[in-house]
PDB file of N, CA and C in Angstrom:
ATOM      1  N   UNK A   1       4.902   0.716  -4.385  1.00  0.00           N
ATOM      2  CA  UNK A   1       6.546   0.702  -5.271  1.00  0.00           C
ATOM      3  C   UNK A   1       7.256   1.238  -3.979  1.00  0.00           C
ATOM      4  N   UNK A   2       8.338   0.739  -3.754  1.00  0.00           N
ATOM      5  CA  UNK A   2       8.946   1.070  -2.275  1.00  0.00           C
ATOM      6  C   UNK A   2       9.471   2.330  -2.770  1.00  0.00           C
ATOM      7  N   UNK A   3       9.683   3.613  -1.755  1.00  0.00           N
ATOM      8  CA  UNK A   3      10.957   4.286  -2.257  1.00  0.00           C
ATOM      9  C   UNK A   3      11.775   4.099  -0.745  1.00  0.00           C
ATOM     10  N   UNK A   4      12.738   4.965  -1.430  1.00  0.00           N
ATOM     11  CA  UNK A   4      13.964   4.480  -0.754  1.00  0.00           C
ATOM     12  C   UNK A   4      14.110   5.903   0.502  1.00  0.00           C
ATOM     13  N   UNK A   5      14.565   5.623   1.371  1.00  0.00           N
ATOM     14  CA  UNK A   5      14.472   6.629   2.524  1.00  0.00           C
ATOM     15  C   UNK A   5      16.148   7.026   3.040  1.00  0.00           C
ATOM     16  N   UNK A   6      16.056   8.527   2.479  1.00  0.00           N
ATOM     17  CA  UNK A   6      17.735   8.243   2.629  1.00  0.00           C
ATOM     18  C   UNK A   6      17.974   9.741   4.399  1.00  0.00           C
ATOM     19  N   UNK A   7      18.614   9.382   4.567  1.00  0.00           N
ATOM     20  CA  UNK A   7      19.151  11.035   5.774  1.00  0.00           C
ATOM     21  C   UNK A   7      19.861  11.739   5.570  1.00  0.00           C
ATOM     22  N   UNK A   8      19.640  13.478   5.264  1.00  0.00           N
ATOM     23  CA  UNK A   8      20.972  14.663   5.223  1.00  0.00           C
ATOM     24  C   UNK A   8      21.074  14.828   6.824  1.00  0.00           C
ATOM     25  N   UNK A   9      21.483  14.742   7.649  1.00  0.00           N
ATOM     26  CA  UNK A   9      21.695  14.791   9.132  1.00  0.00           C
ATOM     27  C   UNK A   9      20.899  14.652   9.866  1.00  0.00           C
ATOM     28  N   UNK A  10      20.315  15.374  10.351  1.00  0.00           N
ATOM     29  CA  UNK A  10      18.763  14.432  10.982  1.00  0.00           C
ATOM     30  C   UNK A  10      17.813  14.082  10.698  1.00  0.00           C
ATOM     31  N   UNK A  11      17.498  14.833   9.531  1.00  0.00           N
ATOM     32  CA  UNK A  11      16.549  14.896   8.620  1.00  0.00           C
ATOM     33  C   UNK A  11      16.120  13.385   7.899  1.00  0.00           C
ATOM     34  N   UNK A  12      15.252  12.998   7.580  1.00  0.00           N
ATOM     35  CA  UNK A  12      15.000  11.896   6.608  1.00  0.00           C
ATOM     36  C   UNK A  12      14.130  12.338   5.101  1.00  0.00           C
ATOM     37  N   UNK A  13      14.714  11.880   3.993  1.00  0.00           N
ATOM     38  CA  UNK A  13      14.325  12.151   2.594  1.00  0.00           C
ATOM     39  C   UNK A  13      12.627  11.355   2.706  1.00  0.00           C
ATOM     40  N   UNK A  14      11.351  11.517   2.886  1.00  0.00           N
ATOM     41  CA  UNK A  14      10.842  10.483   2.404  1.00  0.00           C
ATOM     42  C   UNK A  14       9.957  10.346   1.365  1.00  0.00           C
ATOM     43  N   UNK A  15      10.355  11.282   0.429  1.00  0.00           N
ATOM     44  CA  UNK A  15      10.127  11.053  -0.790  1.00  0.00           C
ATOM     45  C   UNK A  15      10.080  12.758  -1.877  1.00  0.00           C
ATOM     46  N   UNK A  16       9.902  12.631  -3.313  1.00  0.00           N
ATOM     47  CA  UNK A  16       8.899  14.018  -3.511  1.00  0.00           C
ATOM     48  C   UNK A  16       7.748  13.496  -3.771  1.00  0.00           C
ATOM     49  N   UNK A  17       7.283  15.713  -3.777  1.00  0.00           N
ATOM     50  CA  UNK A  17       6.340  14.951  -3.953  1.00  0.00           C
ATOM     51  C   UNK A  17       5.596  14.456  -4.769  1.00  0.00           C
ATOM     52  N   UNK A  18       5.924  14.474  -6.429  1.00  0.00           N
ATOM     53  CA  UNK A  18       5.627  13.345  -7.091  1.00  0.00           C
ATOM     54  C   UNK A  18       4.980  12.134  -6.538  1.00  0.00           C
ATOM     55  N   UNK A  19       5.825  11.171  -5.251  1.00  0.00           N
ATOM     56  CA  UNK A  19       5.950  10.487  -5.265  1.00  0.00           C
ATOM     57  C   UNK A  19       4.843  10.505  -3.816  1.00  0.00           C
ATOM     58  N   UNK A  20       4.400  10.899  -2.989  1.00  0.00           N
ATOM     59  CA  UNK A  20       4.141  11.352  -1.903  1.00  0.00           C
ATOM     60  C   UNK A  20       2.734  11.501  -2.598  1.00  0.00           C
ATOM     61  N   UNK A  21       2.365  11.696  -3.613  1.00  0.00           N
ATOM     62  CA  UNK A  21       0.884  12.321  -4.505  1.00  0.00           C
ATOM     63  C   UNK A  21       1.009  11.330  -4.750  1.00  0.00           C
ATOM     64  N   UNK A  22       1.350  10.013  -4.774  1.00  0.00           N
ATOM     65  CA  UNK A  22       1.167   9.025  -6.243  1.00  0.00           C
ATOM     66  C   UNK A  22       0.625   7.577  -4.776  1.00  0.00           C
ATOM     67  N   UNK A  23       1.699   7.838  -3.872  1.00  0.00           N
ATOM     68  CA  UNK A  23       1.605   7.035  -2.147  1.00  0.00           C
ATOM     69  C   UNK A  23       0.639   7.293  -1.654  1.00  0.00           C
ATOM     70  N   UNK A  24      -0.258   8.835  -1.487  1.00  0.00           N
ATOM     71  CA  UNK A  24      -1.216   8.759  -0.770  1.00  0.00           C
ATOM     72  C   UNK A  24      -2.193   9.092  -0.988  1.00  0.00           C
ATOM     73  N   UNK A  25      -2.506   8.883  -2.935  1.00  0.00           N
ATOM     74  CA  UNK A  25      -3.267   9.424  -3.728  1.00  0.00           C
ATOM     75  C   UNK A  25      -4.918  10.544  -3.723  1.00  0.00           C
ATOM     76  N   UNK A  26      -3.757  12.027  -3.020  1.00  0.00           N
ATOM     77  CA  UNK A  26      -4.500  12.873  -2.627  1.00  0.00           C
ATOM     78  C   UNK A  26      -4.112  13.568  -3.553  1.00  0.00           C
ATOM     79  N   UNK A  27      -4.845  15.197  -3.809  1.00  0.00           N
ATOM     80  CA  UNK A  27      -4.633  16.747  -4.739  1.00  0.00           C
ATOM     81  C   UNK A  27      -3.324  17.282  -4.569  1.00  0.00           C
ATOM     82  N   UNK A  28      -2.480  17.915  -5.379  1.00  0.00           N
ATOM     83  CA  UNK A  28      -1.928  18.325  -4.869  1.00  0.00           C
ATOM     84  C   UNK A  28      -1.528  19.485  -3.493  1.00  0.00           C
ATOM     85  N   UNK A  29      -3.317  20.131  -4.016  1.00  0.00           N
ATOM     86  CA  UNK A  29      -3.387  21.262  -2.862  1.00  0.00           C
ATOM     87  C   UNK A  29      -3.689  20.529  -1.695  1.00  0.00           C
ATOM     88  N   UNK A  30      -4.155  19.263  -0.941  1.00  0.00           N
ATOM     89  CA  UNK A  30      -4.054  18.598  -0.091  1.00  0.00           C
ATOM     90  C   UNK A  30      -2.542  18.058   0.370  1.00  0.00           C
ATOM     91  N   UNK A  31      -2.047  17.744  -0.291  1.00  0.00           N
ATOM     92  CA  UNK A  31      -0.645  17.825   0.148  1.00  0.00           C
ATOM     93  C   UNK A  31      -0.005  18.166   0.492  1.00  0.00           C
ATOM     94  N   UNK A  32       0.211  20.193  -0.229  1.00  0.00           N
ATOM     95  CA  UNK A  32       0.914  20.971   0.069  1.00  0.00           C
ATOM     96  C   UNK A  32       0.319  21.785   1.574  1.00  0.00           C
ATOM     97  N   UNK A  33      -0.824  21.383   1.590  1.00  0.00           N
ATOM     98  CA  UNK A  33      -1.859  21.975   3.269  1.00  0.00           C
ATOM     99  C   UNK A  33      -1.111  21.376   3.640  1.00  0.00           C
ATOM    100  N   UNK A  34      -1.220  19.620   4.052  1.00  0.00           N
ATOM    101  CA  UNK A  34      -0.963  18.996   4.742  1.00  0.00           C
ATOM    102  C   UNK A  34       0.638  19.471   5.064  1.00  0.00           C
ATOM    103  N   UNK A  35       1.674  19.511   4.312  1.00  0.00           N
ATOM    104  CA  UNK A  35       3.060  19.816   4.606  1.00  0.00           C
ATOM    105  C   UNK A  35       3.427  20.945   5.116  1.00  0.00           C
ATOM    106  N   UNK A  36       2.474  22.378   4.780  1.00  0.00           N
ATOM    107  CA  UNK A  36       3.028  23.286   5.581  1.00  0.00           C
ATOM    108  C   UNK A  36       2.049  23.446   7.084  1.00  0.00           C
ATOM    109  N   UNK A  37       1.321  22.758   7.841  1.00  0.00           N
ATOM    110  CA  UNK A  37       0.868  22.356   8.920  1.00  0.00           C
ATOM    111  C   UNK A  37       2.234  21.788   9.253  1.00  0.00           C
ATOM    112  N   UNK A  38       2.586  20.369   8.688  1.00  0.00           N
ATOM    113  CA  UNK A  38       4.240  20.078   9.308  1.00  0.00           C
ATOM    114  C   UNK A  38       5.122  20.457   9.279  1.00  0.00           C
ATOM    115  N   UNK A  39       5.106  21.260   8.643  1.00  0.00           N
ATOM    116  CA  UNK A  39       6.175  22.465   8.217  1.00  0.00           C
ATOM    117  C   UNK A  39       6.490  23.564   9.838  1.00  0.00           C
ATOM    118  N   UNK A  40       4.813  23.880   9.964  1.00  0.00           N
ATOM    119  CA  UNK A  40       4.555  24.252  11.230  1.00  0.00           C
ATOM    120  C   UNK A  40       4.940  23.888  12.630  1.00  0.00           C
ATOM    121  N   UNK A  41       4.883  22.449  12.690  1.00  0.00           N
ATOM    122  CA  UNK A  41       5.095  21.596  13.720  1.00  0.00           C
ATOM    123  C   UNK A  41       6.479  21.269  13.989  1.00  0.00           C
ATOM    124  N   UNK A  42       7.285  21.845  12.887  1.00  0.00           N
ATOM    125  CA  UNK A  42       8.896  21.905  12.816  1.00  0.00           C
ATOM    126  C   UNK A  42       8.701  19.409  12.726  1.00  0.00           C
ATOM    127  N   UNK A  43       7.765  19.444  11.572  1.00  0.00           N
ATOM    128  CA  UNK A  43       8.477  18.037  11.586  1.00  0.00           C
ATOM    129  C   UNK A  43       9.141  17.260  10.542  1.00  0.00           C
ATOM    130  N   UNK A  44       9.032  18.632   9.933  1.00  0.00           N
ATOM    131  CA  UNK A  44       8.594  18.273   8.216  1.00  0.00           C
ATOM    132  C   UNK A  44       9.192  19.772   7.444  1.00  0.00           C
ATOM    133  N   UNK A  45       9.550  19.570   6.515  1.00  0.00           N
ATOM    134  CA  UNK A  45      10.592  20.569   5.700  1.00  0.00           C
ATOM    135  C   UNK A  45      10.608  20.168   3.840  1.00  0.00           C
ATOM    136  N   UNK A  46      10.330  20.939   3.318  1.00  0.00           N
ATOM    137  CA  UNK A  46      10.414  20.713   1.726  1.00  0.00           C
ATOM    138  C   UNK A  46      11.653  21.388   1.357  1.00  0.00           C
ATOM    139  N   UNK A  47      12.496  20.354   0.250  1.00  0.00           N
ATOM    140  CA  UNK A  47      13.630  20.972  -0.315  1.00  0.00           C
ATOM    141  C   UNK A  47      13.958  20.913  -2.211  1.00  0.00           C
ATOM    142  N   UNK A  48      13.425  21.832  -2.813  1.00  0.00           N
ATOM    143  CA  UNK A  48      13.526  22.063  -3.912  1.00  0.00           C
ATOM    144  C   UNK A  48      14.260  21.564  -4.933  1.00  0.00           C
ATOM    145  N   UNK A  49      14.479  21.479  -6.229  1.00  0.00           N
ATOM    146  CA  UNK A  49      15.124  21.234  -6.645  1.00  0.00           C
ATOM    147  C   UNK A  49      16.036  19.916  -6.852  1.00  0.00           C
ATOM    148  N   UNK A  50      16.745  19.962  -7.481  1.00  0.00           N
ATOM    149  CA  UNK A  50      17.720  18.210  -7.471  1.00  0.00           C
ATOM    150  C   UNK A  50      18.106  18.019  -6.386  1.00  0.00           C
ATOM    151  N   UNK A  51      17.640  16.743  -6.067  1.00  0.00           N
ATOM    152  CA  UNK A  51      18.301  15.931  -5.070  1.00  0.00           C
ATOM    153  C   UNK A  51      17.170  16.072  -3.891  1.00  0.00           C
ATOM    154  N   UNK A  52      16.326  17.281  -3.707  1.00  0.00           N
ATOM    155  CA  UNK A  52      15.285  17.861  -3.187  1.00  0.00           C
ATOM    156  C   UNK A  52      14.334  16.858  -2.107  1.00  0.00           C
ATOM    157  N   UNK A  53      13.066  17.479  -2.177  1.00  0.00           N
ATOM    158  CA  UNK A  53      12.023  16.472  -1.713  1.00  0.00           C
ATOM    159  C   UNK A  53      11.461  16.954  -0.097  1.00  0.00           C
ATOM    160  N   UNK A  54      10.807  15.615   0.323  1.00  0.00           N
ATOM    161  CA  UNK A  54       9.684  16.209   1.653  1.00  0.00           C
ATOM    162  C   UNK A  54      10.900  15.722   2.780  1.00  0.00           C
ATOM    163  N   UNK A  55      11.399  16.573   3.691  1.00  0.00           N
ATOM    164  CA  UNK A  55      12.106  16.024   5.220  1.00  0.00           C
ATOM    165  C   UNK A  55      11.026  15.721   6.112  1.00  0.00           C
ATOM    166  N   UNK A  56      11.361  14.222   6.577  1.00  0.00           N
ATOM    167  CA  UNK A  56      10.719  14.548   8.076  1.00  0.00           C
ATOM    168  C   UNK A  56      12.205  14.687   8.976  1.00  0.00           C
ATOM    169  N   UNK A  57      12.103  15.311   9.878  1.00  0.00           N
ATOM    170  CA  UNK A  57      13.121  16.252  11.110  1.00  0.00           C
ATOM    171  C   UNK A  57      12.697  15.945  12.385  1.00  0.00           C
ATOM    172  N   UNK A  58      13.156  15.182  13.099  1.00  0.00           N
ATOM    173  CA  UNK A  58      13.464  15.150  14.317  1.00  0.00           C
ATOM    174  C   UNK A  58      12.873  16.212  15.383  1.00  0.00           C
ATOM    175  N   UNK A  59      11.616  15.930  15.788  1.00  0.00           N
ATOM    176  CA  UNK A  59      10.645  17.256  16.674  1.00  0.00           C
ATOM    177  C   UNK A  59      12.089  17.878  17.791  1.00  0.00           C
ATOM    178  N   UNK A  60      11.670  18.677  17.868  1.00  0.00           N
ATOM    179  CA  UNK A  60      11.852  19.648  19.307  1.00  0.00           C
ATOM    180  C   UNK A  60      11.360  19.016  20.460  1.00  0.00           C
ATOM    181  N   UNK A  61      12.066  18.988  21.247  1.00  0.00           N
ATOM    182  CA  UNK A  61      11.025  18.733  22.619  1.00  0.00           C
ATOM    183  C   UNK A  61      10.272  19.530  23.039  1.00  0.00           C
ATOM    184  N   UNK A  62      10.200  20.719  22.818  1.00  0.00           N
ATOM    185  CA  UNK A  62       9.061  21.895  23.253  1.00  0.00           C
ATOM    186  C   UNK A  62       7.802  21.263  21.966  1.00  0.00           C
ATOM    187  N   UNK A  63       7.597  20.980  20.852  1.00  0.00           N
ATOM    188  CA  UNK A  63       6.957  20.200  19.747  1.00  0.00           C
ATOM    189  C   UNK A  63       6.545  19.423  20.536  1.00  0.00           C
ATOM    190  N   UNK A  64       6.894  18.396  21.312  1.00  0.00           N
ATOM    191  CA  UNK A  64       6.602  17.108  21.384  1.00  0.00           C
ATOM    192  C   UNK A  64       6.216  17.081  22.946  1.00  0.00           C
ATOM    193  N   UNK A  65       6.332  18.180  23.742  1.00  0.00           N
ATOM    194  CA  UNK A  65       5.667  18.741  24.733  1.00  0.00           C
ATOM    195  C   UNK A  65       4.265  19.195  24.319  1.00  0.00           C
ATOM    196  N   UNK A  66       4.267  20.127  23.616  1.00  0.00           N
ATOM    197  CA  UNK A  66       2.986  21.187  23.306  1.00  0.00           C
ATOM    198  C   UNK A  66       2.058  19.268  22.953  1.00  0.00           C
ATOM    199  N   UNK A  67       2.791  19.173  22.204  1.00  0.00           N
ATOM    200  CA  UNK A  67       1.581  17.887  21.454  1.00  0.00           C
ATOM    201  C   UNK A  67       0.888  16.836  22.472  1.00  0.00           C
ATOM    202  N   UNK A  68       1.897  16.128  23.404  1.00  0.00           N
ATOM    203  CA  UNK A  68       1.473  15.536  24.342  1.00  0.00           C
ATOM    204  C   UNK A  68       0.546  16.250  25.758  1.00  0.00           C
ATOM    205  N   UNK A  69       0.943  17.681  25.976  1.00  0.00           N
ATOM    206  CA  UNK A  69       0.077  18.162  26.304  1.00  0.00           C
ATOM    207  C   UNK A  69      -1.258  18.328  25.528  1.00  0.00           C
ATOM    208  N   UNK A  70      -1.719  18.665  24.803  1.00  0.00           N
ATOM    209  CA  UNK A  70      -2.922  19.050  23.884  1.00  0.00           C
ATOM    210  C   UNK A  70      -3.785  17.810  24.063  1.00  0.00           C
ATOM    211  N   UNK A  71      -2.594  16.485  23.509  1.00  0.00           N
ATOM    212  CA  UNK A  71      -4.114  14.951  23.680  1.00  0.00           C
ATOM    213  C   UNK A  71      -3.997  14.629  24.919  1.00  0.00           C
ATOM    214  N   UNK A  72      -3.491  14.889  26.352  1.00  0.00           N
ATOM    215  CA  UNK A  72      -4.143  15.139  27.868  1.00  0.00           C
ATOM    216  C   UNK A  72      -4.857  15.512  28.001  1.00  0.00           C
ATOM    217  N   UNK A  73      -5.085  17.068  27.935  1.00  0.00           N
ATOM    218  CA  UNK A  73      -6.078  17.986  27.994  1.00  0.00           C
ATOM    219  C   UNK A  73      -7.550  17.731  27.011  1.00  0.00           C
ATOM    220  N   UNK A  74      -7.412  16.733  25.222  1.00  0.00           N
ATOM    221  CA  UNK A  74      -8.411  16.372  25.378  1.00  0.00           C
ATOM    222  C   UNK A  74      -9.221  15.026  25.395  1.00  0.00           C
ATOM    223  N   UNK A  75      -8.192  13.688  26.552  1.00  0.00           N
ATOM    224  CA  UNK A  75      -8.530  13.020  26.841  1.00  0.00           C
ATOM    225  C   UNK A  75      -8.916  13.340  28.414  1.00  0.00           C
ATOM    226  N   UNK A  76      -9.039  14.273  28.819  1.00  0.00           N
ATOM    227  CA  UNK A  76      -9.183  14.689  30.039  1.00  0.00           C
ATOM    228  C   UNK A  76      -8.057  13.956  31.148  1.00  0.00           C
ATOM    229  N   UNK A  77      -7.110  13.860  31.380  1.00  0.00           N
ATOM    230  CA  UNK A  77      -6.519  12.948  31.938  1.00  0.00           C
ATOM    231  C   UNK A  77      -5.999  13.762  32.979  1.00  0.00           C
ATOM    232  N   UNK A  78      -6.435  12.930  34.301  1.00  0.00           N
ATOM    233  CA  UNK A  78      -6.108  13.865  35.462  1.00  0.00           C
ATOM    234  C   UNK A  78      -4.519  13.660  35.768  1.00  0.00           C
ATOM    235  N   UNK A  79      -3.932  14.657  36.773  1.00  0.00           N
ATOM    236  CA  UNK A  79      -2.575  14.746  36.867  1.00  0.00           C
ATOM    237  C   UNK A  79      -2.166  13.825  38.017  1.00  0.00           C
ATOM    238  N   UNK A  80      -2.895  12.760  38.920  1.00  0.00           N
ATOM    239  CA  UNK A  80      -3.169  11.680  39.502  1.00  0.00           C
ATOM    240  C   UNK A  80      -2.530  10.706  38.180  1.00  0.00           C
ATOM    241  N   UNK A  81      -3.148  10.086  36.900  1.00  0.00           N
ATOM    242  CA  UNK A  81      -3.289   9.265  36.699  1.00  0.00           C
ATOM    243  C   UNK A  81      -1.838   9.791  35.914  1.00  0.00           C
ATOM    244  N   UNK A  82      -1.321  10.836  35.149  1.00  0.00           N
ATOM    245  CA  UNK A  82      -0.022  10.750  35.087  1.00  0.00           C
ATOM    246  C   UNK A  82       1.441  10.796  35.601  1.00  0.00           C
ATOM    247  N   UNK A  83       0.947  10.861  37.091  1.00  0.00           N
ATOM    248  CA  UNK A  83       2.105  10.964  38.214  1.00  0.00           C
ATOM    249  C   UNK A  83       1.921   9.146  38.221  1.00  0.00           C
ATOM    250  N   UNK A  84       1.088   8.401  37.864  1.00  0.00           N
ATOM    251  CA  UNK A  84       0.829   6.729  38.048  1.00  0.00           C
ATOM    252  C   UNK A  84       1.767   6.241  36.885  1.00  0.00           C
ATOM    253  N   UNK A  85       1.398   7.190  35.742  1.00  0.00           N
ATOM    254  CA  UNK A  85       2.191   7.002  34.598  1.00  0.00           C
ATOM    255  C   UNK A  85       4.134   6.896  34.344  1.00  0.00           C
ATOM    256  N   UNK A  86       4.604   8.583  35.572  1.00  0.00           N
ATOM    257  CA  UNK A  86       6.093   8.941  35.338  1.00  0.00           C
ATOM    258  C   UNK A  86       6.365   7.592  36.243  1.00  0.00           C
ATOM    259  N   UNK A  87       5.539   7.387  37.467  1.00  0.00           N
ATOM    260  CA  UNK A  87       6.136   6.338  38.728  1.00  0.00           C
ATOM    261  C   UNK A  87       6.804   4.746  37.373  1.00  0.00           C
ATOM    262  N   UNK A  88       5.782   4.314  36.730  1.00  0.00           N
ATOM    263  CA  UNK A  88       5.884   3.848  36.055  1.00  0.00           C
ATOM    264  C   UNK A  88       7.046   3.376  34.821  1.00  0.00           C
ATOM    265  N   UNK A  89       7.245   4.749  34.532  1.00  0.00           N
ATOM    266  CA  UNK A  89       7.893   5.205  33.210  1.00  0.00           C
ATOM    267  C   UNK A  89       9.319   4.881  34.005  1.00  0.00           C
ATOM    268  N   UNK A  90       9.403   5.414  34.781  1.00  0.00           N
ATOM    269  CA  UNK A  90      10.597   6.139  35.966  1.00  0.00           C
ATOM    270  C   UNK A  90      11.252   4.182  35.996  1.00  0.00           C
ATOM    271  N   UNK A  91      10.490   3.219  36.776  1.00  0.00           N
ATOM    272  CA  UNK A  91      10.541   1.852  37.345  1.00  0.00           C
ATOM    273  C   UNK A  91      10.944   1.347  35.755  1.00  0.00           C
ATOM    274  N   UNK A  92      10.569   1.003  34.919  1.00  0.00           N
ATOM    275  CA  UNK A  92      10.847   0.404  33.667  1.00  0.00           C
ATOM    276  C   UNK A  92      12.827   0.459  33.173  1.00  0.00           C
ATOM    277  N   UNK A  93      12.754   2.465  33.329  1.00  0.00           N
ATOM    278  CA  UNK A  93      13.689   2.837  33.162  1.00  0.00           C
ATOM    279  C   UNK A  93      15.084   1.998  34.248  1.00  0.00           C
ATOM    280  N   UNK A  94      14.709   2.063  35.178  1.00  0.00           N
ATOM    281  CA  UNK A  94      15.305   1.379  36.275  1.00  0.00           C
ATOM    282  C   UNK A  94      16.040   0.022  35.377  1.00  0.00           C
ATOM    283  N   UNK A  95      15.422  -1.098  34.672  1.00  0.00           N
ATOM    284  CA  UNK A  95      15.237  -2.363  34.818  1.00  0.00           C
ATOM    285  C   UNK A  95      16.169  -2.471  33.996  1.00  0.00           C
TER     286      UNK A  95
END
């Protein structure tokens, strides 16, 4: 079943709780716990009532930076590797 995705401001409706339960085939408890985690990371929110649903949000830069930082730390990426990647990214932006 295809779900219609619509925007509200910078948020995008990704479905109702019922639609997400059907799509991911998980229990209501698992879905709600996942949504709580996404809300803590400020990348999703829930609106209850008519016209409500789960909304994906554009994350704040600080949230993205924290996530990337954790990833790089877990992968044991060295500072010289980060500098090399930065140079490549900057060069590609100039093209």
